[in-house]
Amino acid sequence: MSALLQKLMDGKKASEKLLAQLRNELAALQAAGKPRPQLVVLLVGEDPASQVYTRRKAKVARDIGMASELLIFPADYPQADLLARIAELNADGAVHGILVQLPLPGHIDEKAVLNAVDPAKDVDGFHPVNLGRMLSGDLPPALPCTPSGIMTLLEEHGVAIAGKHAVVIGRSTIVGKPMGLLLLQANATVTFCHSRTQNLAEVCRTADILVAAIGIPRKITADYVKPGAVVIDVGINRTDDGSLVGDVDFESVSPVASLITPVPGGVGPMTIATLMANTLALYHARG
């Protein structure tokens, strides 16, 4: 095995392992005559990338034996109608997880829509109640999918977190903030960085675990990375030639890091697998 292969954190392989476990659990539920957990995904608009991604989520759910429904609405769908549909899903006892695909069209108040989802069906973990539970240390059944998937990937590769210095580049509610909270919960010392951080490369070089979610293609080069650090690349950026690259300059950073996630094939597969695990967790939490 080459030195580079030994460094790769294979999200595809780890996600397949998690999905296999979920498939077995779902089969056992069916064998016991229990209803199937159901995930409903709502997409507003015709964005091609979002359509591909949401269809992928629905397909994975069906493939492992979960009930799944994808609701697609036109880009000009009224906010009041979307909120009414969410209220119906909240009241539907057969639905266990509700996901609203982001971003939403400009005429829709994203915060109002996310807040309308029942916290007990909030499969993405974005509701203020669930974010508040994370902050207090009382973790809800469903944690934000990308950060939670990263924690699973770190565990899968035997990365010790307690006592280590983790630097998170990014402060979004979707990735940056919950990522830092989960690392803190695992007893890391956490530093948040963002667009206003001074001497960013210098701060990043102090990290034992570096999580890049900055949204700038190949921004993180070798001079940002301490030798032997674990580097997690959350970025998905499409270049002019149509290829996908991360926020990390893989070519320069991979010789320096002890472990690194590729793009694609690193964090992305873990996000979808964690979404499935979250749906099952919400199903069990209902009792």
Protein backbone atom coordinates (compact mmCIF):
# COMPACT_ATOMS: atom_id res chain seq x y z
CA MET A 1 0.00 0.00 0.00
CA SER A 2 1.40 3.40 -0.97
CA ALA A 3 2.13 6.05 1.64
CA LEU A 4 -0.65 8.24 0.22
CA LEU A 5 -3.27 5.48 0.42
CA GLN A 6 -2.35 4.92 4.06
CA LYS A 7 -3.07 8.60 4.71
CA LEU A 8 -6.47 8.74 3.00
CA MET A 9 -9.57 8.86 5.20
CA ASP A 10 -11.91 6.89 2.95
CA GLY A 11 -15.38 8.29 3.56
CA LYS A 12 -16.90 5.98 0.98
CA LYS A 13 -15.68 2.87 2.78
CA ALA A 14 -16.69 4.18 6.22
CA SER A 15 -20.13 5.22 4.94
CA GLU A 16 -20.71 1.79 3.39
CA LYS A 17 -19.92 0.20 6.75
CA LEU A 18 -22.41 2.47 8.53
CA LEU A 19 -25.10 1.91 5.89
CA ALA A 20 -24.64 -1.86 6.18
CA GLN A 21 -25.25 -1.63 9.92
CA LEU A 22 -28.36 0.47 9.33
CA ARG A 23 -29.62 -1.95 6.68
CA ASN A 24 -29.39 -4.80 9.19
CA GLU A 25 -31.23 -2.79 11.85
CA LEU A 26 -34.00 -1.87 9.42
CA ALA A 27 -34.34 -5.48 8.28
CA ALA A 28 -34.73 -6.53 11.91
CA LEU A 29 -37.49 -3.95 12.39
CA GLN A 30 -39.34 -5.26 9.36
CA ALA A 31 -38.93 -8.85 10.51
CA ALA A 32 -40.50 -7.86 13.81
CA GLY A 33 -43.48 -6.38 11.96
CA LYS A 34 -42.71 -2.79 12.94
CA PRO A 35 -43.33 0.20 10.66
CA ARG A 36 -40.43 1.50 8.61
CA PRO A 37 -38.78 4.80 9.56
CA GLN A 38 -39.65 7.45 6.98
CA LEU A 39 -37.55 10.36 5.73
CA VAL A 40 -39.16 13.21 3.79
CA VAL A 41 -36.94 15.63 1.85
CA LEU A 42 -38.31 18.96 0.59
CA LEU A 43 -36.65 20.80 -2.29
CA VAL A 44 -37.76 24.22 -3.55
CA GLY A 45 -36.47 25.22 -6.98
CA GLU A 46 -34.81 23.64 -9.98
CA ASP A 47 -31.15 23.91 -9.00
CA PRO A 48 -29.55 20.91 -10.78
CA ALA A 49 -26.97 20.21 -8.07
CA SER A 50 -29.62 20.25 -5.33
CA GLN A 51 -31.86 17.96 -7.38
CA VAL A 52 -29.06 15.44 -7.84
CA TYR A 53 -28.16 15.59 -4.15
CA THR A 54 -31.72 15.22 -2.85
CA ARG A 55 -32.44 12.34 -5.22
CA ARG A 56 -29.26 10.67 -3.97
CA LYS A 57 -30.48 10.99 -0.38
CA ALA A 58 -33.87 9.51 -1.24
CA LYS A 59 -32.26 6.65 -3.17
CA VAL A 60 -29.88 5.72 -0.35
CA ALA A 61 -32.79 5.68 2.08
CA ARG A 62 -34.77 3.31 -0.13
CA ASP A 63 -31.72 1.12 -0.78
CA ILE A 64 -31.23 0.38 2.91
CA GLY A 65 -34.92 -0.36 3.48
CA MET A 66 -36.17 2.97 4.77
CA ALA A 67 -39.33 4.69 3.56
CA SER A 68 -38.50 7.88 1.72
CA GLU A 69 -40.30 10.65 -0.12
CA LEU A 70 -38.86 13.55 -2.12
CA LEU A 71 -41.14 16.57 -2.51
CA ILE A 72 -40.03 19.03 -5.21
CA PHE A 73 -41.68 22.45 -5.47
CA PRO A 74 -41.22 25.20 -8.08
CA ALA A 75 -38.78 28.05 -7.40
CA ASP A 76 -41.66 30.51 -6.87
CA TYR A 77 -43.44 28.28 -4.35
CA PRO A 78 -44.97 30.56 -1.67
CA GLN A 79 -43.44 30.48 1.78
CA ALA A 80 -46.89 30.13 3.37
CA ASP A 81 -47.54 26.99 1.34
CA LEU A 82 -44.16 25.53 2.30
CA LEU A 83 -44.83 26.18 5.98
CA ALA A 84 -48.26 24.56 5.64
CA ARG A 85 -46.70 21.46 4.07
CA ILE A 86 -44.15 21.24 6.90
CA ALA A 87 -46.99 21.51 9.45
CA GLU A 88 -48.70 18.55 7.75
CA LEU A 89 -45.51 16.49 7.95
CA ASN A 90 -45.04 17.45 11.60
CA ALA A 91 -48.51 16.06 12.33
CA ASP A 92 -48.01 12.87 10.28
CA GLY A 93 -47.16 10.03 12.64
CA ALA A 94 -45.65 7.97 9.80
CA VAL A 95 -42.94 10.60 9.19
CA HIS A 96 -39.86 10.44 11.43
CA GLY A 97 -37.39 12.76 9.72
CA ILE A 98 -37.93 16.01 7.81
CA LEU A 99 -35.18 17.65 5.79
CA VAL A 100 -35.47 20.99 3.99
CA GLN A 101 -32.76 21.19 1.33
CA LEU A 102 -30.73 24.40 1.52
CA PRO A 103 -30.31 26.95 0.08
CA LEU A 104 -33.89 28.14 -0.36
CA PRO A 105 -34.96 30.75 -2.96
CA GLY A 106 -34.49 34.36 -1.92
CA HIS A 107 -38.17 35.06 -1.25
CA ILE A 108 -38.29 32.42 1.50
CA ASP A 109 -37.12 33.12 5.05
CA GLU A 110 -34.74 30.24 5.67
CA LYS A 111 -34.78 30.68 9.43
CA ALA A 112 -38.58 30.66 9.60
CA VAL A 113 -38.73 27.45 7.58
CA LEU A 114 -36.09 25.61 9.61
CA ASN A 115 -37.74 26.75 12.85
CA ALA A 116 -41.08 25.38 11.62
CA VAL A 117 -39.79 21.78 11.58
CA ASP A 118 -40.73 19.82 14.70
CA PRO A 119 -37.47 19.47 16.73
CA ALA A 120 -38.32 15.79 17.22
CA LYS A 121 -38.29 15.34 13.40
CA ASP A 122 -35.37 17.68 12.69
CA VAL A 123 -33.13 15.16 10.96
CA ASP A 124 -30.50 17.81 10.12
CA GLY A 125 -30.17 19.02 13.71
CA PHE A 126 -30.57 22.69 12.69
CA HIS A 127 -33.56 23.65 14.87
CA PRO A 128 -32.66 26.16 17.61
CA VAL A 129 -33.87 23.70 20.25
CA ASN A 130 -31.46 21.04 19.02
CA LEU A 131 -28.60 23.48 18.56
CA GLY A 132 -29.23 24.67 22.11
CA ARG A 133 -29.10 21.10 23.36
CA MET A 134 -25.74 20.70 21.66
CA LEU A 135 -24.43 23.83 23.35
CA SER A 136 -25.58 22.60 26.75
CA GLY A 137 -24.00 19.18 26.21
CA ASP A 138 -27.38 17.42 26.18
CA LEU A 139 -26.93 16.02 22.68
CA PRO A 140 -30.15 15.45 20.71
CA PRO A 141 -30.73 12.16 18.84
CA ALA A 142 -29.94 13.80 15.48
CA LEU A 143 -26.80 15.91 15.18
CA PRO A 144 -25.90 18.06 12.14
CA CYS A 145 -25.01 15.50 9.49
CA THR A 146 -21.67 16.74 8.20
CA PRO A 147 -20.03 17.41 11.61
CA SER A 148 -21.45 14.17 13.03
CA GLY A 149 -20.21 12.24 10.00
CA ILE A 150 -16.75 13.74 10.48
CA MET A 151 -16.72 12.58 14.10
CA THR A 152 -17.58 9.06 12.93
CA LEU A 153 -14.80 9.22 10.34
CA LEU A 154 -12.27 10.33 12.97
CA GLU A 155 -13.37 7.46 15.22
CA GLU A 156 -13.19 4.98 12.34
CA HIS A 157 -9.56 5.95 11.75
CA GLY A 158 -8.60 5.82 15.42
CA VAL A 159 -7.91 9.54 15.76
CA ALA A 160 -7.49 10.50 19.42
CA ILE A 161 -9.36 13.75 20.07
CA ALA A 162 -9.18 14.31 23.84
CA GLY A 163 -6.52 16.85 24.73
CA LYS A 164 -5.72 17.69 21.11
CA HIS A 165 -5.94 21.16 19.57
CA ALA A 166 -8.59 21.35 16.87
CA VAL A 167 -8.87 24.33 14.54
CA VAL A 168 -12.14 24.79 12.64
CA ILE A 169 -12.07 27.20 9.70
CA GLY A 170 -15.66 28.31 9.27
CA ARG A 171 -18.46 29.43 11.56
CA SER A 172 -21.67 28.41 9.79
CA THR A 173 -24.52 26.81 11.71
CA ILE A 174 -24.43 23.91 9.25
CA VAL A 175 -20.78 22.92 9.70
CA GLY A 176 -18.42 25.24 11.56
CA LYS A 177 -20.19 25.90 14.85
CA PRO A 178 -21.56 22.38 15.45
CA MET A 179 -18.23 20.88 14.37
CA GLY A 180 -16.45 22.86 17.06
CA LEU A 181 -19.06 21.92 19.67
CA LEU A 182 -18.75 18.20 18.91
CA LEU A 183 -14.95 18.36 19.10
CA LEU A 184 -15.26 20.26 22.39
CA GLN A 185 -17.67 17.60 23.65
CA ALA A 186 -14.96 15.06 22.83
CA ASN A 187 -12.53 17.03 25.02
CA ALA A 188 -10.50 18.77 22.32
CA THR A 189 -9.32 22.34 22.76
CA VAL A 190 -11.07 24.17 19.94
CA THR A 191 -10.19 27.34 18.03
CA PHE A 192 -12.65 28.83 15.53
CA CYS A 193 -11.25 30.73 12.55
CA HIS A 194 -13.08 32.69 9.86
CA SER A 195 -12.71 35.43 7.25
CA ARG A 196 -11.69 38.02 9.84
CA THR A 197 -9.07 35.86 11.55
CA GLN A 198 -5.64 37.49 11.52
CA ASN A 199 -2.59 35.37 10.73
CA LEU A 200 -4.80 32.46 9.64
CA ALA A 201 -1.95 30.25 8.46
CA GLU A 202 -0.11 30.74 11.74
CA VAL A 203 -3.16 29.73 13.78
CA CYS A 204 -3.85 26.71 11.56
CA ARG A 205 -0.27 25.47 12.00
CA THR A 206 -0.99 24.94 15.70
CA ALA A 207 -3.74 22.39 14.94
CA ASP A 208 -3.51 18.67 15.60
CA ILE A 209 -6.86 18.38 13.83
CA LEU A 210 -7.66 20.92 11.10
CA VAL A 211 -11.19 21.17 9.67
CA ALA A 212 -11.48 23.35 6.56
CA ALA A 213 -14.96 24.64 5.75
CA ILE A 214 -14.09 28.04 4.31
CA GLY A 215 -15.62 27.71 0.84
CA ILE A 216 -12.55 28.81 -1.14
CA PRO A 217 -11.02 26.31 -3.57
CA ARG A 218 -7.59 25.02 -2.49
CA LYS A 219 -7.22 27.83 0.05
CA ILE A 220 -5.43 25.67 2.63
CA THR A 221 -1.94 24.93 1.40
CA ALA A 222 0.98 23.16 3.06
CA ASP A 223 2.08 26.26 4.95
CA TYR A 224 -1.21 26.14 6.90
CA VAL A 225 -0.58 22.61 8.19
CA LYS A 226 1.54 21.31 11.04
CA PRO A 227 3.46 18.18 10.08
CA GLY A 228 1.47 15.14 11.21
CA ALA A 229 -1.85 16.96 11.55
CA VAL A 230 -5.16 15.32 10.63
CA VAL A 231 -6.78 17.39 7.87
CA ILE A 232 -10.53 17.26 7.19
CA ASP A 233 -11.65 18.97 3.97
CA VAL A 234 -15.35 19.88 4.00
CA GLY A 235 -15.20 21.99 0.84
CA ILE A 236 -16.87 21.08 -2.45
CA ASN A 237 -15.94 23.51 -5.21
CA ARG A 238 -16.37 23.08 -8.96
CA THR A 239 -13.52 24.43 -11.07
CA ASP A 240 -13.75 25.95 -14.57
CA ASP A 241 -12.94 22.58 -16.13
CA GLY A 242 -15.83 20.94 -14.24
CA SER A 243 -13.77 19.00 -11.71
CA LEU A 244 -14.47 18.98 -7.98
CA VAL A 245 -11.86 20.25 -5.53
CA GLY A 246 -11.92 20.94 -1.82
CA ASP A 247 -10.90 23.87 0.34
CA VAL A 248 -7.57 22.11 0.87
CA ASP A 249 -4.83 21.99 -1.76
CA PHE A 250 -4.59 18.20 -1.64
CA GLU A 251 -1.37 17.95 -3.66
CA SER A 252 0.68 20.15 -1.35
CA VAL A 253 -0.98 19.18 1.96
CA SER A 254 -1.13 15.39 1.65
CA PRO A 255 2.66 14.91 2.09
CA VAL A 256 2.52 16.96 5.31
CA ALA A 257 -0.62 15.52 6.95
CA SER A 258 -0.79 12.22 8.81
CA LEU A 259 -4.37 11.68 7.61
CA ILE A 260 -6.41 13.60 5.05
CA THR A 261 -9.85 13.37 3.46
CA PRO A 262 -10.03 13.37 -0.34
CA VAL A 263 -12.53 15.42 -2.36
CA PRO A 264 -14.67 13.79 -3.54
CA GLY A 265 -14.95 10.61 -1.48
CA GLY A 266 -14.15 11.93 1.97
CA VAL A 267 -16.71 13.88 3.99
CA GLY A 268 -19.54 13.79 1.41
CA PRO A 269 -20.48 10.10 1.70
CA MET A 270 -20.43 10.35 5.50
CA THR A 271 -22.94 13.21 5.41
CA ILE A 272 -25.54 11.12 3.58
CA ALA A 273 -24.92 8.01 5.69
CA THR A 274 -25.29 10.09 8.85
CA LEU A 275 -28.59 11.45 7.58
CA MET A 276 -29.87 7.87 7.44
CA ALA A 277 -28.53 7.14 10.92
CA ASN A 278 -30.24 10.30 12.20
CA THR A 279 -33.59 9.20 10.76
CA LEU A 280 -33.34 5.87 12.54
CA ALA A 281 -32.26 7.62 15.76
CA LEU A 282 -35.36 9.87 15.62
CA TYR A 283 -37.50 6.80 14.99
CA HIS A 284 -36.16 5.12 18.14
CA ALA A 285 -36.35 8.35 20.17
CA ARG A 286 -40.06 8.51 19.56
CA GLY A 287 -40.40 5.12 21.28
